Each structure stands twice: as C-alpha cells, then as structure tokens.
Amino acid sequence: MPTPTELLDQEDVRRDVDDALSLHLDALRDRMLAVDEATLPLLHEAEQLLAGGKRLRAAFCYWSWRAHGGRADSADRSAAIGTGAALELFQAAALVHDDVMDRSDTRRGRPAAHRAFAAVHRAQGWDGNPDEFGTNAAILLGDLLLSSCGEKATLATADLDPGVAARVRAVFDLMQAEVTVGQFLDVRAQVMPWGVDLDADEARSRAIIRAKSARYSVEHPMALGAAIAGADPASVRAYGLPFGEAFQLRDDLLGVFGDPTVTGKPAGDDLREGKRTVLVSRALRSASEAERETVMAALGDEDLTGSRIDDVRTILVSTGAVDEVEALIENLADAAESALRDADLDESGRAVLLALGRAAAQRRV
C-alpha cells in the first residue's frame, strides 16, 4: 500500500494545491499592501499556518472528482485543485479560531496564531495587554481566511457549468455553516454536566464529531469532488461520513497519546482543554471511583503536569477505553470501505480513496 505521502503526491495533487494557495496568497498580499503594509503580519501568520498542512482534505476532494469520472487531462481539473485550495484555507481559518477558543499554545510545532501575535506585541513594547491583542488579531486572521476561502471557492468553479458550480458552492456553504454550529455544540458541551448520563455524553460527543470535524474533514471534500464531476454530492455520505468519524476518533487518541514531536501539539493537550471525547466517556464507564476522580480532576486543568497526564493515560488504557475506541475506528473504517467498494465509481479513483481513508483512520499525526 502507498504511504500517505505517496498518496498525497499522486498526480501532483499536493504540489498543484500548494501552487494554487501561493498564487492566492500573492494576490491577497497585493490587496493588503494597497491598504497598509502594517497588515502584512496577518499574511505572514496565514502563510506559516498553510505551509504545514498535509493537504488531506484537498486530496479527498480531488480523488473523489477522479472517482466520479473526472479526467486528469480535462479543463475541470483546475476546479478540483482550486476547490482543494479553498478547503485548505477554510481549515486554516477553523484552526485559528479553534486555538483561540481552546487557549492552545501551539499549532503544528510553532506558537498558535494568538500566541505569535501576543509575542510581537511584547517584543515591540506596544501599549495595552499583549494577550488581548493576540486574541483580537487571531480572530481577525481567522475571519480573513474565511473570506479568502469563499473567494477561492468561487474563483475555482467560475468556468464550470453554472448549474454544477451552484451545486459545488452549495456544498461548500453547507460545510462552513455545519462546522460553525458544530463548534458551538462543542463549546456548549464543555459547560454541560458530564459523567452523569454516560450514554447521553457519548451521543453528544459523536454528534459534535460529525458536525464539527467528520463531515468537513472527509465527507464534504468528497462531496465537493463528486459535485465538480457532475455527480450527486449526497452519494458519498455512506463512506465519507464513517471515514470522517474514524478520522476524528483517531485525532482524539492522538490528542492524549500522540508524540508532540510528530503531532506538533503538547502531550495531553486535549486533557488540559477539557475535551469531552468518546475516549473519556468510555473510560468513565469502567473506572473505579478513585480513577473517575482522577480523570475528572484532570479534565480542563490548564496546569496539568506530565505525571498526572500519565496517570490519566494509564486509566484510559486499563479501563479498556483505548481498545474500545480503536475497535470503533476499525468498525467505522470497515463500513466505509465496504460502501466505497459497492459504489459505482472509476476504479483508479476508488483505489486511492480507499487508501486515503484507511491512512486517515490509522495515521499517527
């Protein structure tokens, strides 16, 4: 099976998406310079963030387009590549806003945008509160990236049949709205009672996964590719959604057990942020009273130390929660693969989608 890097590099997808992003950012630079060169730190942070992406969402979009009949030598290829670039801009916007809400310190091995802006404020000796400046600047950066992703999506589909372009944009607009309301559901979940009704806790966690991450990470990119090819975007749900949910459940495991040198996030960051995940919910079902107290005290503790993180990790393993989530990931991936194999698709495109989905579910970063 090809490695994730080889999958993303097939037919020069990653290179061409990178080029599309570079051209878009160059045009944005000219626009910002026309206003005031003092705005360029916003662009610098955008460039730094976009430089670190794997382009997985863009690849799902492109290979879904190919699987639904798109030809690599056709003029519509630029629409698939450009829409992939729009997806990368949208993800960057979501990450910036997410880091502000989660008060994250790092992203992809470097300071999160709000921390970077705060550091500039301190270094310049400006008036006011550096952290407030950093938060405000990061929110505006996220807004700029949101505006940019919509513009890029429109430009990417400008030469398509108007009816096709309208369907593509409808999927893109739905994706943006769903992620926003999913983020609200996540914020709401953080302040609701937790650990009393474990069935309700897990149902809520999985609903958030689907709205906030699973659909925009996998299903919507696949739906966009299908729409560009003129196919029904809803046809991808049977395999796009379970692959997406498996992707996010893997992310939840990496948020606790991932290697910081690989993930670019501090160890145990999801615990410090108090994330209400399926992983934690499963552990609470089997935990002793003492173990339960340890886990509940750790969730949301911004000063959580390495030894206490290790204590929680031990509980997550000993209660069987990790094995249960691994099994759930495997079941979701198997269901997605079965549905994908049954779909009426071009065989070469289907093969890459199968490999991409499995790589997303099994990744370590």
Protein backbone atom coordinates (compact mmCIF):
# COMPACT_ATOMS: atom_id res chain seq x y z
CA MET A 1 0.00 0.00 0.00
CA PRO A 2 1.35 3.51 -0.83
CA THR A 3 2.45 5.66 2.09
CA PRO A 4 0.34 8.73 2.99
CA THR A 5 2.99 10.95 1.39
CA GLU A 6 2.88 8.94 -1.83
CA LEU A 7 -0.91 9.10 -1.86
CA LEU A 8 -0.93 12.88 -1.48
CA ASP A 9 1.71 13.30 -4.18
CA GLN A 10 -0.03 11.19 -6.85
CA GLU A 11 -0.85 13.19 -9.98
CA ASP A 12 0.97 16.13 -8.34
CA VAL A 13 -2.08 17.00 -6.26
CA ARG A 14 -0.18 18.39 -3.27
CA ARG A 15 2.21 20.42 -5.43
CA ASP A 16 -0.60 21.91 -7.50
CA VAL A 17 -2.71 22.77 -4.44
CA ASP A 18 0.36 24.42 -2.90
CA ASP A 19 0.84 26.44 -6.09
CA ALA A 20 -2.82 27.49 -6.10
CA LEU A 21 -2.52 28.62 -2.48
CA SER A 22 0.68 30.52 -3.21
CA LEU A 23 -0.94 32.40 -6.09
CA HIS A 24 -3.98 33.22 -3.97
CA LEU A 25 -1.83 34.50 -1.10
CA ASP A 26 0.24 36.60 -3.52
CA ALA A 27 -2.94 38.28 -4.72
CA LEU A 28 -4.03 38.79 -1.12
CA ARG A 29 -0.64 40.36 -0.33
CA ASP A 30 -1.09 42.93 -3.10
CA ARG A 31 -4.55 43.76 -1.80
CA MET A 32 -3.27 44.18 1.76
CA LEU A 33 -0.31 46.32 0.70
CA ALA A 34 -2.74 48.63 -1.06
CA VAL A 35 -4.37 49.21 2.34
CA ASP A 36 -1.32 49.39 4.62
CA GLU A 37 1.87 47.37 4.92
CA ALA A 38 1.17 47.13 8.67
CA THR A 39 -1.39 44.44 7.79
CA LEU A 40 1.28 42.04 6.50
CA PRO A 41 1.77 40.21 9.83
CA LEU A 42 -1.69 38.75 9.23
CA LEU A 43 -0.50 37.35 5.91
CA HIS A 44 2.72 36.05 7.46
CA GLU A 45 0.76 34.02 10.01
CA ALA A 46 -1.53 32.72 7.27
CA GLU A 47 1.47 31.61 5.21
CA GLN A 48 3.08 29.90 8.19
CA LEU A 49 -0.09 28.01 9.04
CA LEU A 50 -0.83 26.96 5.46
CA ALA A 51 2.73 25.79 4.91
CA GLY A 52 2.26 22.97 7.43
CA GLY A 53 -0.85 21.24 6.10
CA LYS A 54 -0.89 17.69 4.75
CA ARG A 55 -3.49 18.60 2.07
CA LEU A 56 -5.59 15.59 3.05
CA ARG A 57 -8.91 17.38 2.51
CA ALA A 58 -7.76 18.61 -0.88
CA ALA A 59 -6.77 15.06 -1.78
CA PHE A 60 -10.18 13.68 -0.77
CA CYS A 61 -11.80 16.32 -3.00
CA TYR A 62 -9.53 15.64 -5.97
CA TRP A 63 -9.71 11.85 -5.86
CA SER A 64 -13.46 11.89 -5.38
CA TRP A 65 -13.63 14.02 -8.53
CA ARG A 66 -11.46 11.43 -10.32
CA ALA A 67 -13.52 8.54 -8.93
CA HIS A 68 -16.71 10.16 -10.22
CA GLY A 69 -15.35 10.44 -13.75
CA GLY A 70 -13.08 13.49 -13.70
CA ARG A 71 -10.15 13.19 -16.09
CA ALA A 72 -6.66 14.36 -15.19
CA ASP A 73 -6.25 15.89 -18.67
CA SER A 74 -9.52 17.85 -18.59
CA ALA A 75 -10.04 21.57 -18.06
CA ASP A 76 -12.16 20.81 -14.98
CA ARG A 77 -9.04 19.62 -13.14
CA SER A 78 -8.30 23.23 -12.19
CA ALA A 79 -11.70 23.38 -10.45
CA ALA A 80 -10.86 20.31 -8.37
CA ILE A 81 -7.42 21.68 -7.47
CA GLY A 82 -8.75 25.17 -6.74
CA THR A 83 -11.55 23.83 -4.57
CA GLY A 84 -8.96 21.80 -2.70
CA ALA A 85 -7.05 25.02 -2.07
CA ALA A 86 -10.26 26.63 -0.79
CA LEU A 87 -10.66 23.71 1.62
CA GLU A 88 -7.15 24.31 2.95
CA LEU A 89 -7.94 27.99 3.52
CA PHE A 90 -11.11 27.06 5.35
CA GLN A 91 -9.30 24.56 7.55
CA ALA A 92 -6.69 27.19 8.42
CA ALA A 93 -9.46 29.59 9.47
CA ALA A 94 -11.08 26.91 11.61
CA LEU A 95 -7.77 26.07 13.29
CA VAL A 96 -7.04 29.70 14.17
CA HIS A 97 -10.44 30.19 15.77
CA ASP A 98 -10.30 26.78 17.45
CA ASP A 99 -6.94 27.59 19.02
CA VAL A 100 -8.29 30.86 20.40
CA MET A 101 -11.30 29.14 21.97
CA ASP A 102 -9.19 26.29 23.34
CA ARG A 103 -6.44 28.66 24.51
CA SER A 104 -3.92 26.41 22.77
CA ASP A 105 -0.26 27.36 22.93
CA THR A 106 1.00 25.62 19.81
CA ARG A 107 -0.11 24.51 16.39
CA ARG A 108 1.99 22.34 14.06
CA GLY A 109 5.07 22.75 16.20
CA ARG A 110 5.03 26.55 16.39
CA PRO A 111 3.16 29.10 18.51
CA ALA A 112 -0.55 29.26 17.79
CA ALA A 113 -1.52 32.45 15.94
CA HIS A 114 -2.84 34.28 19.01
CA ARG A 115 0.35 33.45 20.91
CA ALA A 116 2.51 34.62 17.99
CA PHE A 117 0.67 37.94 17.77
CA ALA A 118 0.98 38.41 21.54
CA ALA A 119 4.73 37.79 21.27
CA VAL A 120 5.02 40.51 18.59
CA HIS A 121 3.18 42.92 20.89
CA ARG A 122 5.59 42.18 23.74
CA ALA A 123 8.67 42.43 21.53
CA GLN A 124 7.56 45.83 20.19
CA GLY A 125 6.70 47.16 23.63
CA TRP A 126 3.28 48.35 22.48
CA ASP A 127 0.63 49.71 24.82
CA GLY A 128 -2.11 47.55 26.27
CA ASN A 129 -2.45 43.86 27.04
CA PRO A 130 -0.40 41.57 24.73
CA ASP A 131 -2.74 38.61 25.17
CA GLU A 132 -5.81 40.67 24.30
CA PHE A 133 -4.05 41.95 21.19
CA GLY A 134 -3.05 38.41 20.26
CA THR A 135 -6.60 37.12 20.62
CA ASN A 136 -8.09 40.01 18.66
CA ALA A 137 -5.55 39.69 15.86
CA ALA A 138 -6.06 35.92 15.61
CA ILE A 139 -9.84 36.29 15.38
CA LEU A 140 -9.34 38.75 12.53
CA LEU A 141 -6.87 36.39 10.85
CA GLY A 142 -9.46 33.63 11.01
CA ASP A 143 -12.05 35.98 9.53
CA LEU A 144 -9.65 36.93 6.74
CA LEU A 145 -9.03 33.28 5.93
CA LEU A 146 -12.78 32.60 5.92
CA SER A 147 -13.31 35.43 3.46
CA SER A 148 -10.43 34.12 1.38
CA CYS A 149 -11.72 30.54 1.26
CA GLY A 150 -15.10 31.68 -0.07
CA GLU A 151 -13.44 33.82 -2.71
CA LYS A 152 -11.19 30.93 -3.75
CA ALA A 153 -14.14 28.53 -3.99
CA THR A 154 -15.95 30.97 -6.27
CA LEU A 155 -12.89 31.52 -8.47
CA ALA A 156 -12.18 27.79 -8.68
CA THR A 157 -15.61 26.98 -10.09
CA ALA A 158 -16.04 30.05 -12.32
CA ASP A 159 -15.52 28.10 -15.57
CA LEU A 160 -17.79 25.18 -14.69
CA ASP A 161 -21.32 24.82 -15.99
CA PRO A 162 -23.39 27.29 -13.90
CA GLY A 163 -25.63 24.54 -12.51
CA VAL A 164 -22.61 22.45 -11.49
CA ALA A 165 -20.89 25.49 -9.98
CA ALA A 166 -24.02 26.28 -7.95
CA ARG A 167 -24.14 22.73 -6.55
CA VAL A 168 -20.46 22.87 -5.62
CA ARG A 169 -20.91 26.18 -3.85
CA ALA A 170 -23.99 24.89 -2.03
CA VAL A 171 -21.90 22.05 -0.57
CA PHE A 172 -19.12 24.46 0.36
CA ASP A 173 -21.55 26.84 2.07
CA LEU A 174 -23.21 23.97 3.96
CA MET A 175 -19.81 22.78 5.15
CA GLN A 176 -18.94 26.21 6.56
CA ALA A 177 -22.26 26.51 8.37
CA GLU A 178 -22.05 22.99 9.81
CA VAL A 179 -18.56 23.49 11.20
CA THR A 180 -19.66 26.72 12.87
CA VAL A 181 -22.69 25.16 14.55
CA GLY A 182 -20.60 22.09 15.41
CA GLN A 183 -18.10 24.35 17.11
CA PHE A 184 -20.95 25.92 19.08
CA LEU A 185 -22.15 22.47 20.13
CA ASP A 186 -18.61 21.72 21.31
CA VAL A 187 -18.43 24.95 23.33
CA ARG A 188 -21.84 24.17 24.81
CA ALA A 189 -20.80 20.62 25.69
CA GLN A 190 -17.87 21.92 27.73
CA VAL A 191 -20.22 23.64 30.20
CA MET A 192 -22.87 20.93 30.48
CA PRO A 193 -22.94 18.29 33.24
CA TRP A 194 -20.56 15.48 32.41
CA GLY A 195 -20.26 11.93 33.68
CA VAL A 196 -23.81 11.54 34.99
CA ASP A 197 -25.56 10.09 31.93
CA LEU A 198 -22.74 8.40 30.02
CA ASP A 199 -24.97 7.34 27.12
CA ALA A 200 -26.06 10.94 26.60
CA ASP A 201 -22.45 12.12 26.97
CA GLU A 202 -21.24 9.79 24.24
CA ALA A 203 -24.16 10.55 21.92
CA ARG A 204 -23.42 14.25 22.31
CA SER A 205 -19.70 13.70 21.67
CA ARG A 206 -20.36 11.76 18.49
CA ALA A 207 -22.85 14.35 17.23
CA ILE A 208 -20.19 17.02 17.71
CA ILE A 209 -17.62 14.85 15.92
CA ARG A 210 -19.89 14.53 12.91
CA ALA A 211 -20.85 18.20 12.69
CA LYS A 212 -17.56 19.82 13.64
CA SER A 213 -14.95 17.55 12.08
CA ALA A 214 -16.01 14.30 10.39
CA ARG A 215 -18.05 15.84 7.61
CA TYR A 216 -15.72 18.73 6.79
CA SER A 217 -12.59 16.58 7.04
CA VAL A 218 -13.72 13.79 4.72
CA GLU A 219 -17.37 13.71 3.64
CA HIS A 220 -17.69 17.30 2.39
CA PRO A 221 -14.37 17.24 0.49
CA MET A 222 -15.56 14.03 -1.19
CA ALA A 223 -18.96 15.61 -1.87
CA LEU A 224 -17.28 18.63 -3.45
CA GLY A 225 -15.25 16.39 -5.75
CA ALA A 226 -18.38 14.49 -6.75
CA ALA A 227 -20.26 17.73 -7.43
CA ILE A 228 -17.43 19.09 -9.62
CA ALA A 229 -17.69 15.89 -11.69
CA GLY A 230 -21.43 16.44 -12.07
CA ALA A 231 -22.43 13.63 -9.68
CA ASP A 232 -24.81 13.74 -6.72
CA PRO A 233 -22.79 15.06 -3.75
CA ALA A 234 -25.05 13.18 -1.32
CA SER A 235 -23.91 9.87 -2.82
CA VAL A 236 -20.63 9.94 -0.88
CA ARG A 237 -22.19 10.00 2.59
CA ALA A 238 -22.27 6.20 3.04
CA TYR A 239 -18.47 6.08 3.00
CA GLY A 240 -17.44 9.70 3.59
CA LEU A 241 -19.12 10.07 6.98
CA PRO A 242 -17.78 6.88 8.64
CA PHE A 243 -14.29 7.58 7.31
CA GLY A 244 -14.60 11.10 8.73
CA GLU A 245 -15.75 9.88 12.12
CA ALA A 246 -12.87 7.38 12.24
CA PHE A 247 -10.52 10.24 11.36
CA GLN A 248 -11.72 12.35 14.31
CA LEU A 249 -11.70 9.46 16.78
CA ARG A 250 -8.07 8.88 15.79
CA ASP A 251 -7.47 12.58 16.41
CA ASP A 252 -8.92 12.18 19.92
CA LEU A 253 -6.48 9.36 20.65
CA LEU A 254 -3.56 11.40 19.32
CA GLY A 255 -4.69 14.33 21.47
CA VAL A 256 -3.84 12.26 24.55
CA PHE A 257 -1.25 9.73 23.38
CA GLY A 258 0.37 11.42 20.38
CA ASP A 259 4.07 12.23 20.22
CA PRO A 260 4.41 16.04 20.45
CA THR A 261 7.40 15.97 18.08
CA VAL A 262 5.13 14.39 15.46
CA THR A 263 1.74 15.98 16.17
CA GLY A 264 3.08 19.49 16.82
CA LYS A 265 0.86 19.77 19.94
CA PRO A 266 1.89 19.38 23.59
CA ALA A 267 1.33 15.97 25.17
CA GLY A 268 -2.09 15.67 26.77
CA ASP A 269 -3.32 18.95 25.33
CA ASP A 270 -6.87 17.62 24.90
CA LEU A 271 -6.99 16.82 28.61
CA ARG A 272 -5.90 20.34 29.57
CA GLU A 273 -8.56 21.74 27.27
CA GLY A 274 -11.17 19.52 28.92
CA LYS A 275 -12.34 17.93 25.68
CA ARG A 276 -15.41 15.74 26.22
CA THR A 277 -14.47 12.83 23.97
CA VAL A 278 -15.77 9.33 23.33
CA LEU A 279 -12.43 8.12 24.70
CA VAL A 280 -13.02 9.74 28.10
CA SER A 281 -16.67 8.70 28.16
CA ARG A 282 -15.74 5.06 27.59
CA ALA A 283 -13.16 5.20 30.39
CA LEU A 284 -15.67 6.59 32.88
CA ARG A 285 -17.99 3.63 32.24
CA SER A 286 -15.47 1.19 33.72
CA ALA A 287 -13.42 3.38 36.03
CA SER A 288 -13.32 2.90 39.79
CA GLU A 289 -14.40 5.80 41.96
CA ALA A 290 -10.79 6.80 42.53
CA GLU A 291 -9.97 6.54 38.82
CA ARG A 292 -13.05 8.56 37.96
CA GLU A 293 -11.98 11.32 40.35
CA THR A 294 -8.51 11.35 38.80
CA VAL A 295 -9.90 11.72 35.28
CA MET A 296 -12.50 14.33 36.18
CA ALA A 297 -9.97 16.42 38.12
CA ALA A 298 -7.58 16.36 35.14
CA LEU A 299 -10.12 17.46 32.52
CA GLY A 300 -9.82 21.18 31.90
CA ASP A 301 -6.89 21.69 34.29
CA GLU A 302 -4.61 24.06 32.38
CA ASP A 303 -1.76 23.29 34.81
CA LEU A 304 -1.92 19.53 34.25
CA THR A 305 1.56 18.07 34.77
CA GLY A 306 3.33 15.23 33.00
CA SER A 307 2.88 12.77 35.86
CA ARG A 308 -0.85 13.45 36.11
CA ILE A 309 -1.20 13.09 32.35
CA ASP A 310 0.49 9.70 32.67
CA ASP A 311 -1.97 8.75 35.42
CA VAL A 312 -4.91 9.53 33.14
CA ARG A 313 -3.32 7.68 30.24
CA THR A 314 -2.91 4.63 32.44
CA ILE A 315 -6.61 4.76 33.36
CA LEU A 316 -7.67 5.18 29.73
CA VAL A 317 -5.71 2.04 28.87
CA SER A 318 -6.58 -0.07 31.94
CA THR A 319 -10.33 0.57 31.64
CA GLY A 320 -10.24 -0.69 28.06
CA ALA A 321 -11.29 2.70 26.66
CA VAL A 322 -8.38 2.87 24.23
CA ASP A 323 -9.07 -0.61 22.89
CA GLU A 324 -12.77 0.22 22.54
CA VAL A 325 -12.09 3.37 20.57
CA GLU A 326 -9.58 1.52 18.39
CA ALA A 327 -12.27 -1.09 17.69
CA LEU A 328 -14.79 1.64 16.90
CA ILE A 329 -12.35 3.24 14.46
CA GLU A 330 -11.80 -0.13 12.79
CA ASN A 331 -15.53 -0.81 12.51
CA LEU A 332 -16.20 2.61 11.01
CA ALA A 333 -13.35 2.25 8.53
CA ASP A 334 -14.56 -1.23 7.54
CA ALA A 335 -18.09 0.08 6.96
CA ALA A 336 -16.76 2.96 4.89
CA GLU A 337 -14.59 0.66 2.79
CA SER A 338 -17.49 -1.71 2.16
CA ALA A 339 -19.73 1.15 0.99
CA LEU A 340 -16.95 2.61 -1.14
CA ARG A 341 -16.32 -0.73 -2.84
CA ASP A 342 -20.02 -1.05 -3.64
CA ALA A 343 -20.29 2.43 -5.15
CA ASP A 344 -20.37 2.95 -8.92
CA LEU A 345 -17.02 4.68 -9.32
CA ASP A 346 -13.98 4.78 -11.55
CA GLU A 347 -11.69 2.05 -10.28
CA SER A 348 -8.45 4.02 -10.16
CA GLY A 349 -10.08 6.84 -8.19
CA ARG A 350 -11.81 4.39 -5.87
CA ALA A 351 -8.48 2.71 -5.07
CA VAL A 352 -6.89 5.98 -3.97
CA LEU A 353 -9.95 6.95 -1.89
CA LEU A 354 -9.79 3.57 -0.14
CA ALA A 355 -6.12 4.08 0.66
CA LEU A 356 -6.63 7.70 1.75
CA GLY A 357 -9.49 6.73 4.05
CA ARG A 358 -7.52 3.96 5.67
CA ALA A 359 -4.48 6.24 6.07
CA ALA A 360 -6.67 8.90 7.73
CA ALA A 361 -8.06 6.37 10.20
CA GLN A 362 -4.66 4.88 11.04
CA ARG A 363 -2.48 7.98 10.97
CA ARG A 364 -0.08 8.92 13.75
CA VAL A 365 -0.06 12.67 13.13
